[in-house]
Amino acid sequence: MAGLKSYVVPMSAYEHHWSGSIRSYRQISYYDKAQTSKQIQLRNAYLFQKKWNEIAGKTKNSLLLKSNWLPILSRQFELAMQAKDVTKSKVFLDLLIKDFPSASESVNCATLYQKLSSNS
C-alpha cells in the first residue's frame, strides 16, 4: 500500500500525568518555544490530518482517511450478542457510545442490548 511505513520508537520510560482541564493551560517549554498542551494537541491533530490528506490525494486512495473502528466495534458487538454474552456486549456498546455517540449503529446496538439484558 503506497510503500508507507510505521516506526516504533522505544523509550526507557514515560510518566503520564492524569489531571483535569487546568493542566491543559500549563505552559510546556521545549527548546525556545512555550505552548500549552491544548495548543500542542491542536497543532498535532492539524499536522496529522494534513499529512494523511496529502498522502490520500497523491495516491488517490480515499480509504486512507476512513476509519474502520465503527464497523469493527459493531461486528464485535453483534458476535457477543449472538453468543448471548451480556458482559462482552456491554463493553463493545460502551465503546460505540463513547466513540460514536450519534451513529445509527450505536443507537441500534443500544436498543438490541436493552432487549438482551432485559431477557437475562
Protein backbone atom coordinates (compact mmCIF):
# COMPACT_ATOMS: atom_id res chain seq x y z
CA MET A 1 0.00 0.00 0.00
CA ALA A 2 1.87 3.05 -1.28
CA GLY A 3 5.13 1.95 0.38
CA LEU A 4 4.18 3.61 3.69
CA LYS A 5 5.98 2.60 6.87
CA SER A 6 5.33 2.92 10.56
CA TYR A 7 8.07 3.22 13.13
CA VAL A 8 8.06 2.37 16.80
CA VAL A 9 10.39 4.47 18.89
CA PRO A 10 11.41 2.68 22.09
CA MET A 11 11.64 4.72 25.25
CA SER A 12 13.02 3.79 28.62
CA ALA A 13 10.16 5.48 30.48
CA TYR A 14 7.26 7.84 30.11
CA GLU A 15 5.38 9.31 33.01
CA HIS A 16 1.74 10.09 32.24
CA HIS A 17 0.06 12.66 34.49
CA TRP A 18 -3.70 12.39 34.88
CA SER A 19 -5.39 15.65 35.73
CA GLY A 20 -8.27 17.93 34.96
CA SER A 21 -8.56 20.64 32.34
CA ILE A 22 -6.37 23.12 34.24
CA ARG A 23 -3.23 21.19 33.26
CA SER A 24 -4.05 21.83 29.58
CA TYR A 25 -3.37 25.54 30.17
CA ARG A 26 0.07 24.92 31.72
CA GLN A 27 2.95 26.12 29.55
CA ILE A 28 5.31 23.43 28.30
CA SER A 29 8.74 24.70 27.33
CA TYR A 30 10.66 22.93 24.60
CA TYR A 31 13.80 24.49 23.20
CA ASP A 32 12.85 28.12 22.50
CA LYS A 33 9.05 27.61 22.47
CA ALA A 34 6.44 27.54 25.20
CA GLN A 35 2.97 26.19 24.42
CA THR A 36 0.02 24.74 26.30
CA SER A 37 -0.75 21.05 25.88
CA LYS A 38 -4.01 22.08 24.19
CA GLN A 39 -2.06 24.09 21.59
CA ILE A 40 0.25 21.15 21.02
CA GLN A 41 -2.68 18.75 20.67
CA LEU A 42 -4.45 21.01 18.16
CA ARG A 43 -1.26 21.50 16.15
CA ASN A 44 -0.55 17.78 16.10
CA ALA A 45 -4.12 16.98 15.03
CA TYR A 46 -3.82 19.52 12.20
CA LEU A 47 -0.44 18.14 11.08
CA PHE A 48 -1.70 14.54 11.22
CA GLN A 49 -4.80 15.35 9.16
CA LYS A 50 -2.77 17.43 6.68
CA LYS A 51 -0.22 14.64 6.22
CA TRP A 52 -2.82 11.95 5.54
CA ASN A 53 -4.92 14.21 3.30
CA GLU A 54 -1.82 14.84 1.17
CA ILE A 55 -0.93 11.14 1.02
CA ALA A 56 -4.51 10.18 0.17
CA GLY A 57 -4.54 12.81 -2.58
CA LYS A 58 -1.21 11.69 -4.06
CA THR A 59 -2.13 8.00 -4.00
CA LYS A 60 -5.77 8.67 -4.95
CA ASN A 61 -6.74 6.36 -2.11
CA SER A 62 -9.52 8.00 -0.08
CA LEU A 63 -9.80 4.86 2.07
CA LEU A 64 -6.69 6.02 3.95
CA LEU A 65 -8.87 8.66 5.61
CA LYS A 66 -11.66 6.26 6.54
CA SER A 67 -11.67 4.69 9.99
CA ASN A 68 -12.84 1.11 10.26
CA TRP A 69 -13.33 1.33 14.01
CA LEU A 70 -17.13 1.76 13.85
CA PRO A 71 -17.79 -1.37 11.75
CA ILE A 72 -15.27 -3.36 13.81
CA LEU A 73 -16.95 -2.43 17.09
CA SER A 74 -20.40 -3.04 15.62
CA ARG A 75 -19.41 -6.50 14.39
CA GLN A 76 -17.82 -7.46 17.72
CA PHE A 77 -20.97 -6.29 19.48
CA GLU A 78 -23.11 -8.44 17.15
CA LEU A 79 -20.92 -11.50 17.77
CA ALA A 80 -21.16 -11.03 21.53
CA MET A 81 -24.92 -10.64 21.21
CA GLN A 82 -25.20 -13.85 19.18
CA ALA A 83 -23.26 -15.62 21.92
CA LYS A 84 -25.64 -14.02 24.46
CA ASP A 85 -22.62 -12.65 26.32
CA VAL A 86 -24.12 -9.65 28.12
CA THR A 87 -20.83 -8.59 29.71
CA LYS A 88 -18.86 -8.54 26.46
CA SER A 89 -21.75 -6.88 24.61
CA LYS A 90 -21.74 -4.10 27.21
CA VAL A 91 -18.01 -3.50 26.72
CA PHE A 92 -18.45 -3.04 22.96
CA LEU A 93 -21.60 -0.97 23.42
CA ASP A 94 -19.79 1.38 25.82
CA LEU A 95 -17.00 1.86 23.26
CA LEU A 96 -19.53 2.52 20.49
CA ILE A 97 -21.36 5.12 22.56
CA LYS A 98 -18.11 6.78 23.68
CA ASP A 99 -16.53 6.96 20.21
CA PHE A 100 -19.64 7.28 18.01
CA PRO A 101 -22.47 8.70 20.16
CA SER A 102 -24.62 9.89 17.24
CA ALA A 103 -24.00 7.00 14.82
CA SER A 104 -27.08 4.96 13.93
CA GLU A 105 -25.07 1.79 14.64
CA SER A 106 -24.62 2.89 18.26
CA VAL A 107 -28.34 3.56 18.66
CA ASN A 108 -29.23 0.20 17.09
CA CYS A 109 -26.76 -1.64 19.30
CA ALA A 110 -28.09 0.11 22.41
CA THR A 111 -31.63 -0.99 21.51
CA LEU A 112 -30.52 -4.59 20.97
CA TYR A 113 -28.55 -4.56 24.22
CA GLN A 114 -31.60 -3.39 26.17
CA LYS A 115 -33.60 -6.29 24.73
CA LEU A 116 -30.87 -8.82 25.57
CA SER A 117 -30.25 -7.54 29.08
CA SER A 118 -34.00 -7.39 29.90
CA ASN A 119 -34.37 -11.05 28.82
CA SER A 120 -31.45 -12.19 31.03
